[in-house]
């Protein structure tokens, strides 16, 4: 059995911090996913049940589910990178998510303006 040196302990501590930070990031993504899901349900529930409102509500809810899937994929990718001593690449997931949220925000504003008039 190999004797653990002080250098080994520093590496283990660093790795543990990165791994735990990756888990906290996963939890943040999951909270975001749940918030998006709740937003889609609330949007559908508290508006008139027109086809466009229900469609947007369903799409927002699906976006929440896809966010959870992206979170898990990102977590697994980052975990593998961290355990191999590398930094994970940024990826396109966050930019895609923000773009879709902005797109649906604009769609919701348009629907609200149309229903207001």
PDB file of N, CA and C in Angstrom:
ATOM      1  N   UNK A   1       0.833  -1.168   0.000  1.00  0.00           N
ATOM      2  CA  UNK A   1       0.000   0.000   0.000  1.00  0.00           C
ATOM      3  C   UNK A   1       0.887   1.242   0.000  1.00  0.00           C
ATOM      4  N   UNK A   2       0.504   2.247  -0.806  1.00  0.00           N
ATOM      5  CA  UNK A   2       1.303   3.460  -0.941  1.00  0.00           C
ATOM      6  C   UNK A   2       1.065   4.381   0.248  1.00  0.00           C
ATOM      7  N   UNK A   3       2.139   4.952   0.759  1.00  0.00           N
ATOM      8  CA  UNK A   3       2.036   5.908   1.855  1.00  0.00           C
ATOM      9  C   UNK A   3       1.563   7.251   1.292  1.00  0.00           C
ATOM     10  N   UNK A   4       0.567   7.870   1.948  1.00  0.00           N
ATOM     11  CA  UNK A   4       0.028   9.149   1.495  1.00  0.00           C
ATOM     12  C   UNK A   4       0.901  10.273   2.021  1.00  0.00           C
ATOM     13  N   UNK A   5       1.356  11.143   1.100  1.00  0.00           N
ATOM     14  CA  UNK A   5       2.190  12.282   1.472  1.00  0.00           C
ATOM     15  C   UNK A   5       1.335  13.533   1.583  1.00  0.00           C
ATOM     16  N   UNK A   6       1.953  14.616   2.065  1.00  0.00           N
ATOM     17  CA  UNK A   6       1.245  15.895   2.168  1.00  0.00           C
ATOM     18  C   UNK A   6       0.796  16.391   0.791  1.00  0.00           C
ATOM     19  N   UNK A   7       1.610  16.161  -0.229  1.00  0.00           N
ATOM     20  CA  UNK A   7       1.234  16.560  -1.589  1.00  0.00           C
ATOM     21  C   UNK A   7      -0.019  15.820  -2.050  1.00  0.00           C
ATOM     22  N   UNK A   8      -0.109  14.539  -1.699  1.00  0.00           N
ATOM     23  CA  UNK A   8      -1.296  13.757  -2.052  1.00  0.00           C
ATOM     24  C   UNK A   8      -2.538  14.323  -1.363  1.00  0.00           C
ATOM     25  N   UNK A   9      -2.410  14.716  -0.117  1.00  0.00           N
ATOM     26  CA  UNK A   9      -3.546  15.271   0.622  1.00  0.00           C
ATOM     27  C   UNK A   9      -4.016  16.578   0.006  1.00  0.00           C
ATOM     28  N   UNK A  10      -3.070  17.420  -0.428  1.00  0.00           N
ATOM     29  CA  UNK A  10      -3.464  18.672  -1.075  1.00  0.00           C
ATOM     30  C   UNK A  10      -4.240  18.382  -2.352  1.00  0.00           C
ATOM     31  N   UNK A  11      -3.816  17.402  -3.112  1.00  0.00           N
ATOM     32  CA  UNK A  11      -4.509  17.050  -4.352  1.00  0.00           C
ATOM     33  C   UNK A  11      -5.889  16.482  -4.052  1.00  0.00           C
ATOM     34  N   UNK A  12      -5.994  15.635  -3.017  1.00  0.00           N
ATOM     35  CA  UNK A  12      -7.285  15.068  -2.649  1.00  0.00           C
ATOM     36  C   UNK A  12      -8.236  16.168  -2.199  1.00  0.00           C
ATOM     37  N   UNK A  13      -7.735  17.122  -1.389  1.00  0.00           N
ATOM     38  CA  UNK A  13      -8.569  18.238  -0.939  1.00  0.00           C
ATOM     39  C   UNK A  13      -9.066  19.065  -2.118  1.00  0.00           C
ATOM     40  N   UNK A  14      -8.170  19.356  -3.054  1.00  0.00           N
ATOM     41  CA  UNK A  14      -8.567  20.152  -4.219  1.00  0.00           C
ATOM     42  C   UNK A  14      -9.616  19.409  -5.032  1.00  0.00           C
ATOM     43  N   UNK A  15      -9.397  18.126  -5.255  1.00  0.00           N
ATOM     44  CA  UNK A  15     -10.351  17.338  -6.023  1.00  0.00           C
ATOM     45  C   UNK A  15     -11.709  17.284  -5.318  1.00  0.00           C
ATOM     46  N   UNK A  16     -11.699  17.104  -4.012  1.00  0.00           N
ATOM     47  CA  UNK A  16     -12.967  17.043  -3.269  1.00  0.00           C
ATOM     48  C   UNK A  16     -13.715  18.359  -3.389  1.00  0.00           C
ATOM     49  N   UNK A  17     -13.005  19.463  -3.321  1.00  0.00           N
ATOM     50  CA  UNK A  17     -13.675  20.770  -3.449  1.00  0.00           C
ATOM     51  C   UNK A  17     -14.288  20.923  -4.828  1.00  0.00           C
ATOM     52  N   UNK A  18     -13.568  20.520  -5.863  1.00  0.00           N
ATOM     53  CA  UNK A  18     -14.102  20.630  -7.214  1.00  0.00           C
ATOM     54  C   UNK A  18     -15.311  19.716  -7.402  1.00  0.00           C
ATOM     55  N   UNK A  19     -15.222  18.522  -6.876  1.00  0.00           N
ATOM     56  CA  UNK A  19     -16.335  17.576  -7.008  1.00  0.00           C
ATOM     57  C   UNK A  19     -17.568  18.088  -6.281  1.00  0.00           C
ATOM     58  N   UNK A  20     -17.376  18.602  -5.065  1.00  0.00           N
ATOM     59  CA  UNK A  20     -18.513  19.145  -4.317  1.00  0.00           C
ATOM     60  C   UNK A  20     -19.081  20.401  -4.987  1.00  0.00           C
ATOM     61  N   UNK A  21     -18.228  21.221  -5.553  1.00  0.00           N
ATOM     62  CA  UNK A  21     -18.707  22.400  -6.285  1.00  0.00           C
ATOM     63  C   UNK A  21     -19.518  21.977  -7.507  1.00  0.00           C
ATOM     64  N   UNK A  22     -19.082  20.910  -8.169  1.00  0.00           N
ATOM     65  CA  UNK A  22     -19.828  20.398  -9.319  1.00  0.00           C
ATOM     66  C   UNK A  22     -21.212  19.912  -8.890  1.00  0.00           C
ATOM     67  N   UNK A  23     -21.296  19.278  -7.723  1.00  0.00           N
ATOM     68  CA  UNK A  23     -22.596  18.832  -7.210  1.00  0.00           C
ATOM     69  C   UNK A  23     -23.489  20.023  -6.869  1.00  0.00           C
ATOM     70  N   UNK A  24     -22.929  21.077  -6.292  1.00  0.00           N
ATOM     71  CA  UNK A  24     -23.723  22.274  -5.997  1.00  0.00           C
ATOM     72  C   UNK A  24     -24.221  22.927  -7.282  1.00  0.00           C
ATOM     73  N   UNK A  25     -23.386  22.887  -8.313  1.00  0.00           N
ATOM     74  CA  UNK A  25     -23.812  23.426  -9.606  1.00  0.00           C
ATOM     75  C   UNK A  25     -24.969  22.621 -10.174  1.00  0.00           C
ATOM     76  N   UNK A  26     -24.898  21.300 -10.040  1.00  0.00           N
ATOM     77  CA  UNK A  26     -26.012  20.454 -10.483  1.00  0.00           C
ATOM     78  C   UNK A  26     -27.292  20.837  -9.746  1.00  0.00           C
ATOM     79  N   UNK A  27     -27.197  21.023  -8.446  1.00  0.00           N
ATOM     80  CA  UNK A  27     -28.382  21.397  -7.671  1.00  0.00           C
ATOM     81  C   UNK A  27     -28.932  22.754  -8.112  1.00  0.00           C
ATOM     82  N   UNK A  28     -28.064  23.688  -8.461  1.00  0.00           N
ATOM     83  CA  UNK A  28     -28.522  24.991  -8.956  1.00  0.00           C
ATOM     84  C   UNK A  28     -29.266  24.828 -10.282  1.00  0.00           C
ATOM     85  N   UNK A  29     -28.749  23.982 -11.161  1.00  0.00           N
ATOM     86  CA  UNK A  29     -29.426  23.719 -12.434  1.00  0.00           C
ATOM     87  C   UNK A  29     -30.788  23.062 -12.187  1.00  0.00           C
ATOM     88  N   UNK A  30     -30.849  22.140 -11.239  1.00  0.00           N
ATOM     89  CA  UNK A  30     -32.114  21.467 -10.934  1.00  0.00           C
ATOM     90  C   UNK A  30     -33.125  22.472 -10.383  1.00  0.00           C
ATOM     91  N   UNK A  31     -32.673  23.378  -9.512  1.00  0.00           N
ATOM     92  CA  UNK A  31     -33.583  24.428  -9.012  1.00  0.00           C
ATOM     93  C   UNK A  31     -34.081  25.291 -10.166  1.00  0.00           C
ATOM     94  N   UNK A  32     -33.204  25.625 -11.087  1.00  0.00           N
ATOM     95  CA  UNK A  32     -33.600  26.401 -12.254  1.00  0.00           C
ATOM     96  C   UNK A  32     -34.624  25.628 -13.079  1.00  0.00           C
ATOM     97  N   UNK A  33     -34.395  24.356 -13.264  1.00  0.00           N
ATOM     98  CA  UNK A  33     -35.327  23.513 -14.005  1.00  0.00           C
ATOM     99  C   UNK A  33     -36.702  23.500 -13.358  1.00  0.00           C
ATOM    100  N   UNK A  34     -36.727  23.324 -12.042  1.00  0.00           N
ATOM    101  CA  UNK A  34     -38.008  23.320 -11.319  1.00  0.00           C
ATOM    102  C   UNK A  34     -38.713  24.664 -11.416  1.00  0.00           C
ATOM    103  N   UNK A  35     -37.944  25.738 -11.385  1.00  0.00           N
ATOM    104  CA  UNK A  35     -38.535  27.073 -11.513  1.00  0.00           C
ATOM    105  C   UNK A  35     -39.151  27.272 -12.896  1.00  0.00           C
ATOM    106  N   UNK A  36     -38.458  26.812 -13.913  1.00  0.00           N
ATOM    107  CA  UNK A  36     -38.999  26.915 -15.279  1.00  0.00           C
ATOM    108  C   UNK A  36     -40.264  26.063 -15.411  1.00  0.00           C
ATOM    109  N   UNK A  37     -40.240  24.853 -14.852  1.00  0.00           N
ATOM    110  CA  UNK A  37     -41.437  24.008 -14.866  1.00  0.00           C
ATOM    111  C   UNK A  37     -42.609  24.698 -14.178  1.00  0.00           C
ATOM    112  N   UNK A  38     -42.350  25.256 -13.010  1.00  0.00           N
ATOM    113  CA  UNK A  38     -43.414  25.949 -12.271  1.00  0.00           C
ATOM    114  C   UNK A  38     -43.917  27.155 -13.052  1.00  0.00           C
ATOM    115  N   UNK A  39     -43.003  27.852 -13.721  1.00  0.00           N
ATOM    116  CA  UNK A  39     -43.408  29.002 -14.533  1.00  0.00           C
ATOM    117  C   UNK A  39     -44.318  28.601 -15.688  1.00  0.00           C
ATOM    118  N   UNK A  40     -44.007  27.491 -16.335  1.00  0.00           N
ATOM    119  CA  UNK A  40     -44.853  27.014 -17.432  1.00  0.00           C
ATOM    120  C   UNK A  40     -46.239  26.624 -16.955  1.00  0.00           C
ATOM    121  N   UNK A  41     -46.282  25.950 -15.812  1.00  0.00           N
ATOM    122  CA  UNK A  41     -47.574  25.552 -15.250  1.00  0.00           C
ATOM    123  C   UNK A  41     -48.371  26.769 -14.808  1.00  0.00           C
ATOM    124  N   UNK A  42     -47.705  27.715 -14.143  1.00  0.00           N
ATOM    125  CA  UNK A  42     -48.388  28.929 -13.681  1.00  0.00           C
ATOM    126  C   UNK A  42     -48.880  29.752 -14.862  1.00  0.00           C
ATOM    127  N   UNK A  43     -48.064  29.864 -15.906  1.00  0.00           N
ATOM    128  CA  UNK A  43     -48.470  30.634 -17.084  1.00  0.00           C
ATOM    129  C   UNK A  43     -49.742  30.055 -17.689  1.00  0.00           C
ATOM    130  N   UNK A  44     -49.801  28.746 -17.804  1.00  0.00           N
ATOM    131  CA  UNK A  44     -50.981  28.095 -18.373  1.00  0.00           C
ATOM    132  C   UNK A  44     -52.180  28.204 -17.442  1.00  0.00           C
ATOM    133  N   UNK A  45     -51.944  28.047 -16.163  1.00  0.00           N
ATOM    134  CA  UNK A  45     -53.039  28.021 -15.187  1.00  0.00           C
ATOM    135  C   UNK A  45     -53.689  29.394 -14.990  1.00  0.00           C
ATOM    136  N   UNK A  46     -52.890  30.457 -14.957  1.00  0.00           N
ATOM    137  CA  UNK A  46     -53.410  31.772 -14.609  1.00  0.00           C
ATOM    138  C   UNK A  46     -53.774  32.640 -15.804  1.00  0.00           C
ATOM    139  N   UNK A  47     -53.689  32.129 -17.012  1.00  0.00           N
ATOM    140  CA  UNK A  47     -54.109  32.850 -18.213  1.00  0.00           C
ATOM    141  C   UNK A  47     -55.334  32.167 -18.808  1.00  0.00           C
ATOM    142  N   UNK A  48     -55.945  32.855 -19.749  1.00  0.00           N
ATOM    143  CA  UNK A  48     -57.054  32.234 -20.481  1.00  0.00           C
ATOM    144  C   UNK A  48     -56.518  31.015 -21.215  1.00  0.00           C
ATOM    145  N   UNK A  49     -57.314  29.989 -21.267  1.00  0.00           N
ATOM    146  CA  UNK A  49     -56.857  28.726 -21.861  1.00  0.00           C
ATOM    147  C   UNK A  49     -57.038  28.738 -23.382  1.00  0.00           C
ATOM    148  N   UNK A  50     -56.360  29.673 -24.023  1.00  0.00           N
ATOM    149  CA  UNK A  50     -56.366  29.693 -25.484  1.00  0.00           C
ATOM    150  C   UNK A  50     -55.300  28.733 -25.986  1.00  0.00           C
ATOM    151  N   UNK A  51     -55.385  28.415 -27.259  1.00  0.00           N
ATOM    152  CA  UNK A  51     -54.424  27.473 -27.837  1.00  0.00           C
ATOM    153  C   UNK A  51     -52.991  27.994 -27.727  1.00  0.00           C
ATOM    154  N   UNK A  52     -52.806  29.291 -27.962  1.00  0.00           N
ATOM    155  CA  UNK A  52     -51.450  29.842 -27.911  1.00  0.00           C
ATOM    156  C   UNK A  52     -50.898  29.829 -26.483  1.00  0.00           C
ATOM    157  N   UNK A  53     -51.736  30.123 -25.486  1.00  0.00           N
ATOM    158  CA  UNK A  53     -51.284  30.106 -24.093  1.00  0.00           C
ATOM    159  C   UNK A  53     -50.924  28.690 -23.669  1.00  0.00           C
ATOM    160  N   UNK A  54     -51.758  27.724 -23.989  1.00  0.00           N
ATOM    161  CA  UNK A  54     -51.479  26.339 -23.625  1.00  0.00           C
ATOM    162  C   UNK A  54     -50.221  25.847 -24.335  1.00  0.00           C
ATOM    163  N   UNK A  55     -50.060  26.207 -25.595  1.00  0.00           N
ATOM    164  CA  UNK A  55     -48.875  25.800 -26.349  1.00  0.00           C
ATOM    165  C   UNK A  55     -47.608  26.363 -25.719  1.00  0.00           C
ATOM    166  N   UNK A  56     -47.622  27.649 -25.397  1.00  0.00           N
ATOM    167  CA  UNK A  56     -46.438  28.258 -24.780  1.00  0.00           C
ATOM    168  C   UNK A  56     -46.193  27.651 -23.404  1.00  0.00           C
ATOM    169  N   UNK A  57     -47.250  27.401 -22.632  1.00  0.00           N
ATOM    170  CA  UNK A  57     -47.088  26.774 -21.324  1.00  0.00           C
ATOM    171  C   UNK A  57     -46.453  25.398 -21.426  1.00  0.00           C
ATOM    172  N   UNK A  58     -46.893  24.631 -22.407  1.00  0.00           N
ATOM    173  CA  UNK A  58     -46.321  23.295 -22.612  1.00  0.00           C
ATOM    174  C   UNK A  58     -44.857  23.400 -23.041  1.00  0.00           C
ATOM    175  N   UNK A  59     -44.560  24.327 -23.924  1.00  0.00           N
ATOM    176  CA  UNK A  59     -43.181  24.490 -24.391  1.00  0.00           C
ATOM    177  C   UNK A  59     -42.275  24.927 -23.237  1.00  0.00           C
ATOM    178  N   UNK A  60     -42.756  25.841 -22.391  1.00  0.00           N
ATOM    179  CA  UNK A  60     -41.964  26.272 -21.238  1.00  0.00           C
ATOM    180  C   UNK A  60     -41.733  25.095 -20.295  1.00  0.00           C
ATOM    181  N   UNK A  61     -42.761  24.286 -20.084  1.00  0.00           N
ATOM    182  CA  UNK A  61     -42.621  23.119 -19.213  1.00  0.00           C
ATOM    183  C   UNK A  61     -41.611  22.123 -19.791  1.00  0.00           C
ATOM    184  N   UNK A  62     -41.669  21.912 -21.080  1.00  0.00           N
ATOM    185  CA  UNK A  62     -40.687  21.034 -21.741  1.00  0.00           C
ATOM    186  C   UNK A  62     -39.281  21.614 -21.597  1.00  0.00           C
ATOM    187  N   UNK A  63     -39.156  22.930 -21.722  1.00  0.00           N
ATOM    188  CA  UNK A  63     -37.856  23.577 -21.548  1.00  0.00           C
ATOM    189  C   UNK A  63     -37.311  23.311 -20.149  1.00  0.00           C
ATOM    190  N   UNK A  64     -38.183  23.310 -19.145  1.00  0.00           N
ATOM    191  CA  UNK A  64     -37.754  22.983 -17.785  1.00  0.00           C
ATOM    192  C   UNK A  64     -37.219  21.564 -17.693  1.00  0.00           C
ATOM    193  N   UNK A  65     -37.899  20.628 -18.336  1.00  0.00           N
ATOM    194  CA  UNK A  65     -37.424  19.245 -18.353  1.00  0.00           C
ATOM    195  C   UNK A  65     -36.104  19.104 -19.092  1.00  0.00           C
ATOM    196  N   UNK A  66     -35.969  19.802 -20.213  1.00  0.00           N
ATOM    197  CA  UNK A  66     -34.718  19.751 -20.970  1.00  0.00           C
ATOM    198  C   UNK A  66     -33.570  20.371 -20.184  1.00  0.00           C
ATOM    199  N   UNK A  67     -33.882  21.373 -19.368  1.00  0.00           N
ATOM    200  CA  UNK A  67     -32.860  21.977 -18.519  1.00  0.00           C
ATOM    201  C   UNK A  67     -32.328  20.953 -17.520  1.00  0.00           C
ATOM    202  N   UNK A  68     -33.209  20.138 -16.970  1.00  0.00           N
ATOM    203  CA  UNK A  68     -32.770  19.087 -16.037  1.00  0.00           C
ATOM    204  C   UNK A  68     -31.881  18.065 -16.751  1.00  0.00           C
ATOM    205  N   UNK A  69     -32.236  17.715 -17.969  1.00  0.00           N
ATOM    206  CA  UNK A  69     -31.421  16.771 -18.743  1.00  0.00           C
ATOM    207  C   UNK A  69     -30.054  17.377 -19.044  1.00  0.00           C
ATOM    208  N   UNK A  70     -30.050  18.656 -19.450  1.00  0.00           N
ATOM    209  CA  UNK A  70     -28.776  19.340 -19.719  1.00  0.00           C
ATOM    210  C   UNK A  70     -27.927  19.414 -18.455  1.00  0.00           C
ATOM    211  N   UNK A  71     -28.580  19.605 -17.309  1.00  0.00           N
ATOM    212  CA  UNK A  71     -27.853  19.666 -16.037  1.00  0.00           C
ATOM    213  C   UNK A  71     -27.147  18.347 -15.753  1.00  0.00           C
ATOM    214  N   UNK A  72     -27.841  17.254 -15.945  1.00  0.00           N
ATOM    215  CA  UNK A  72     -27.239  15.947 -15.682  1.00  0.00           C
ATOM    216  C   UNK A  72     -26.093  15.662 -16.646  1.00  0.00           C
ATOM    217  N   UNK A  73     -26.297  15.983 -17.925  1.00  0.00           N
ATOM    218  CA  UNK A  73     -25.230  15.766 -18.899  1.00  0.00           C
ATOM    219  C   UNK A  73     -24.008  16.610 -18.549  1.00  0.00           C
ATOM    220  N   UNK A  74     -24.246  17.865 -18.178  1.00  0.00           N
ATOM    221  CA  UNK A  74     -23.146  18.760 -17.816  1.00  0.00           C
ATOM    222  C   UNK A  74     -22.426  18.256 -16.560  1.00  0.00           C
ATOM    223  N   UNK A  75     -23.197  17.799 -15.584  1.00  0.00           N
ATOM    224  CA  UNK A  75     -22.613  17.272 -14.355  1.00  0.00           C
ATOM    225  C   UNK A  75     -21.706  16.079 -14.665  1.00  0.00           C
ATOM    226  N   UNK A  76     -22.194  15.132 -15.452  1.00  0.00           N
ATOM    227  CA  UNK A  76     -21.404  13.943 -15.789  1.00  0.00           C
ATOM    228  C   UNK A  76     -20.141  14.312 -16.565  1.00  0.00           C
ATOM    229  N   UNK A  77     -20.281  15.219 -17.520  1.00  0.00           N
ATOM    230  CA  UNK A  77     -19.123  15.656 -18.319  1.00  0.00           C
ATOM    231  C   UNK A  77     -18.082  16.326 -17.419  1.00  0.00           C
ATOM    232  N   UNK A  78     -18.548  17.236 -16.552  1.00  0.00           N
ATOM    233  CA  UNK A  78     -17.620  17.936 -15.659  1.00  0.00           C
ATOM    234  C   UNK A  78     -16.984  16.979 -14.660  1.00  0.00           C
ATOM    235  N   UNK A  79     -17.754  16.020 -14.165  1.00  0.00           N
ATOM    236  CA  UNK A  79     -17.226  15.056 -13.211  1.00  0.00           C
ATOM    237  C   UNK A  79     -16.085  14.253 -13.819  1.00  0.00           C
ATOM    238  N   UNK A  80     -16.269  13.811 -15.053  1.00  0.00           N
ATOM    239  CA  UNK A  80     -15.206  13.056 -15.731  1.00  0.00           C
ATOM    240  C   UNK A  80     -13.967  13.922 -15.928  1.00  0.00           C
ATOM    241  N   UNK A  81     -14.182  15.179 -16.321  1.00  0.00           N
ATOM    242  CA  UNK A  81     -13.046  16.077 -16.539  1.00  0.00           C
ATOM    243  C   UNK A  81     -12.302  16.339 -15.232  1.00  0.00           C
ATOM    244  N   UNK A  82     -13.043  16.611 -14.158  1.00  0.00           N
ATOM    245  CA  UNK A  82     -12.429  16.905 -12.863  1.00  0.00           C
ATOM    246  C   UNK A  82     -11.631  15.700 -12.368  1.00  0.00           C
ATOM    247  N   UNK A  83     -12.223  14.517 -12.475  1.00  0.00           N
ATOM    248  CA  UNK A  83     -11.540  13.316 -11.975  1.00  0.00           C
ATOM    249  C   UNK A  83     -10.299  12.968 -12.799  1.00  0.00           C
ATOM    250  N   UNK A  84     -10.247  13.443 -14.041  1.00  0.00           N
ATOM    251  CA  UNK A  84      -9.056  13.190 -14.850  1.00  0.00           C
ATOM    252  C   UNK A  84      -8.051  14.336 -14.746  1.00  0.00           C
ATOM    253  N   UNK A  85      -8.337  15.318 -13.887  1.00  0.00           N
ATOM    254  CA  UNK A  85      -7.399  16.414 -13.663  1.00  0.00           C
ATOM    255  C   UNK A  85      -7.457  17.513 -14.699  1.00  0.00           C
ATOM    256  N   UNK A  86      -8.557  17.621 -15.422  1.00  0.00           N
ATOM    257  CA  UNK A  86      -8.711  18.646 -16.443  1.00  0.00           C
ATOM    258  C   UNK A  86      -9.866  19.566 -16.081  1.00  0.00           C
ATOM    259  N   UNK A  87      -9.872  20.743 -16.711  1.00  0.00           N
ATOM    260  CA  UNK A  87     -11.011  21.637 -16.557  1.00  0.00           C
ATOM    261  C   UNK A  87     -12.023  21.344 -17.660  1.00  0.00           C
ATOM    262  N   UNK A  88     -13.307  21.299 -17.327  1.00  0.00           N
ATOM    263  CA  UNK A  88     -14.305  21.049 -18.370  1.00  0.00           C
ATOM    264  C   UNK A  88     -14.463  22.264 -19.280  1.00  0.00           C
ATOM    265  N   UNK A  89     -14.817  22.013 -20.529  1.00  0.00           N
ATOM    266  CA  UNK A  89     -15.102  23.102 -21.458  1.00  0.00           C
ATOM    267  C   UNK A  89     -16.424  23.762 -21.081  1.00  0.00           C
ATOM    268  N   UNK A  90     -16.607  24.994 -21.491  1.00  0.00           N
ATOM    269  CA  UNK A  90     -17.807  25.743 -21.138  1.00  0.00           C
ATOM    270  C   UNK A  90     -19.060  25.116 -21.739  1.00  0.00           C
ATOM    271  N   UNK A  91     -19.042  24.784 -22.990  1.00  0.00           N
ATOM    272  CA  UNK A  91     -20.207  24.190 -23.636  1.00  0.00           C
ATOM    273  C   UNK A  91     -21.193  25.240 -24.109  1.00  0.00           C
ATOM    274  N   UNK A  92     -22.217  24.792 -24.843  1.00  0.00           N
ATOM    275  CA  UNK A  92     -23.207  25.696 -25.428  1.00  0.00           C
ATOM    276  C   UNK A  92     -24.523  25.693 -24.668  1.00  0.00           C
ATOM    277  N   UNK A  93     -24.671  24.805 -23.677  1.00  0.00           N
ATOM    278  CA  UNK A  93     -25.922  24.674 -22.944  1.00  0.00           C
ATOM    279  C   UNK A  93     -26.426  25.957 -22.314  1.00  0.00           C
ATOM    280  N   UNK A  94     -25.589  26.677 -21.562  1.00  0.00           N
ATOM    281  CA  UNK A  94     -26.082  27.905 -20.935  1.00  0.00           C
ATOM    282  C   UNK A  94     -26.537  28.954 -21.942  1.00  0.00           C
ATOM    283  N   UNK A  95     -25.797  29.140 -23.026  1.00  0.00           N
ATOM    284  CA  UNK A  95     -26.187  30.121 -24.039  1.00  0.00           C
ATOM    285  C   UNK A  95     -27.494  29.719 -24.711  1.00  0.00           C
ATOM    286  N   UNK A  96     -27.663  28.445 -24.988  1.00  0.00           N
ATOM    287  CA  UNK A  96     -28.902  27.957 -25.597  1.00  0.00           C
ATOM    288  C   UNK A  96     -30.081  28.166 -24.652  1.00  0.00           C
ATOM    289  N   UNK A  97     -29.877  27.871 -23.388  1.00  0.00           N
ATOM    290  CA  UNK A  97     -30.948  28.038 -22.403  1.00  0.00           C
ATOM    291  C   UNK A  97     -31.361  29.501 -22.290  1.00  0.00           C
ATOM    292  N   UNK A  98     -30.401  30.396 -22.195  1.00  0.00           N
ATOM    293  CA  UNK A  98     -30.715  31.824 -22.090  1.00  0.00           C
ATOM    294  C   UNK A  98     -31.425  32.302 -23.349  1.00  0.00           C
ATOM    295  N   UNK A  99     -30.963  31.863 -24.508  1.00  0.00           N
ATOM    296  CA  UNK A  99     -31.617  32.251 -25.756  1.00  0.00           C
ATOM    297  C   UNK A  99     -33.068  31.796 -25.824  1.00  0.00           C
ATOM    298  N   UNK A 100     -33.338  30.567 -25.401  1.00  0.00           N
ATOM    299  CA  UNK A 100     -34.711  30.063 -25.408  1.00  0.00           C
ATOM    300  C   UNK A 100     -35.596  30.795 -24.398  1.00  0.00           C
ATOM    301  N   UNK A 101     -35.050  31.113 -23.246  1.00  0.00           N
ATOM    302  CA  UNK A 101     -35.830  31.861 -22.254  1.00  0.00           C
ATOM    303  C   UNK A 101     -36.181  33.240 -22.788  1.00  0.00           C
ATOM    304  N   UNK A 102     -35.232  33.901 -23.449  1.00  0.00           N
ATOM    305  CA  UNK A 102     -35.511  35.212 -24.044  1.00  0.00           C
ATOM    306  C   UNK A 102     -36.557  35.089 -25.142  1.00  0.00           C
ATOM    307  N   UNK A 103     -36.453  34.069 -25.965  1.00  0.00           N
ATOM    308  CA  UNK A 103     -37.427  33.845 -27.031  1.00  0.00           C
ATOM    309  C   UNK A 103     -38.835  33.674 -26.469  1.00  0.00           C
ATOM    310  N   UNK A 104     -38.980  32.869 -25.415  1.00  0.00           N
ATOM    311  CA  UNK A 104     -40.291  32.660 -24.830  1.00  0.00           C
ATOM    312  C   UNK A 104     -40.780  33.886 -24.068  1.00  0.00           C
ATOM    313  N   UNK A 105     -39.876  34.655 -23.512  1.00  0.00           N
ATOM    314  CA  UNK A 105     -40.286  35.903 -22.855  1.00  0.00           C
ATOM    315  C   UNK A 105     -40.894  36.855 -23.877  1.00  0.00           C
ATOM    316  N   UNK A 106     -40.291  36.950 -25.035  1.00  0.00           N
ATOM    317  CA  UNK A 106     -40.831  37.794 -26.098  1.00  0.00           C
ATOM    318  C   UNK A 106     -42.189  37.263 -26.555  1.00  0.00           C
ATOM    319  N   UNK A 107     -42.308  35.947 -26.698  1.00  0.00           N
ATOM    320  CA  UNK A 107     -43.595  35.357 -27.108  1.00  0.00           C
ATOM    321  C   UNK A 107     -44.681  35.644 -26.072  1.00  0.00           C
ATOM    322  N   UNK A 108     -44.349  35.555 -24.806  1.00  0.00           N
ATOM    323  CA  UNK A 108     -45.325  35.827 -23.745  1.00  0.00           C
ATOM    324  C   UNK A 108     -45.749  37.290 -23.775  1.00  0.00           C
ATOM    325  N   UNK A 109     -44.799  38.185 -23.966  1.00  0.00           N
ATOM    326  CA  UNK A 109     -45.126  39.610 -24.048  1.00  0.00           C
ATOM    327  C   UNK A 109     -46.055  39.873 -25.221  1.00  0.00           C
ATOM    328  N   UNK A 110     -45.781  39.276 -26.361  1.00  0.00           N
ATOM    329  CA  UNK A 110     -46.635  39.466 -27.546  1.00  0.00           C
ATOM    330  C   UNK A 110     -48.040  38.946 -27.271  1.00  0.00           C
ATOM    331  N   UNK A 111     -48.156  37.772 -26.677  1.00  0.00           N
ATOM    332  CA  UNK A 111     -49.479  37.219 -26.371  1.00  0.00           C
ATOM    333  C   UNK A 111     -50.226  38.121 -25.392  1.00  0.00           C
ATOM    334  N   UNK A 112     -49.555  38.604 -24.378  1.00  0.00           N
ATOM    335  CA  UNK A 112     -50.204  39.491 -23.401  1.00  0.00           C
ATOM    336  C   UNK A 112     -50.654  40.791 -24.071  1.00  0.00           C
ATOM    337  N   UNK A 113     -49.846  41.338 -24.959  1.00  0.00           N
ATOM    338  CA  UNK A 113     -50.237  42.568 -25.657  1.00  0.00           C
ATOM    339  C   UNK A 113     -51.430  42.333 -26.568  1.00  0.00           C
ATOM    340  N   UNK A 114     -51.460  41.205 -27.255  1.00  0.00           N
ATOM    341  CA  UNK A 114     -52.569  40.885 -28.133  1.00  0.00           C
ATOM    342  C   UNK A 114     -53.850  40.683 -27.323  1.00  0.00           C
ATOM    343  N   UNK A 115     -53.757  40.002 -26.193  1.00  0.00           N
ATOM    344  CA  UNK A 115     -54.941  39.775 -25.362  1.00  0.00           C
ATOM    345  C   UNK A 115     -55.407  41.052 -24.687  1.00  0.00           C
ATOM    346  N   UNK A 116     -54.496  41.976 -24.416  1.00  0.00           N
ATOM    347  CA  UNK A 116     -54.847  43.238 -23.769  1.00  0.00           C
ATOM    348  C   UNK A 116     -55.661  44.126 -24.688  1.00  0.00           C
ATOM    349  N   UNK A 117     -55.349  44.088 -25.978  1.00  0.00           N
ATOM    350  CA  UNK A 117     -56.068  44.945 -26.948  1.00  0.00           C
ATOM    351  C   UNK A 117     -57.318  44.319 -27.335  1.00  0.00           C
TER     352      UNK A 117
END
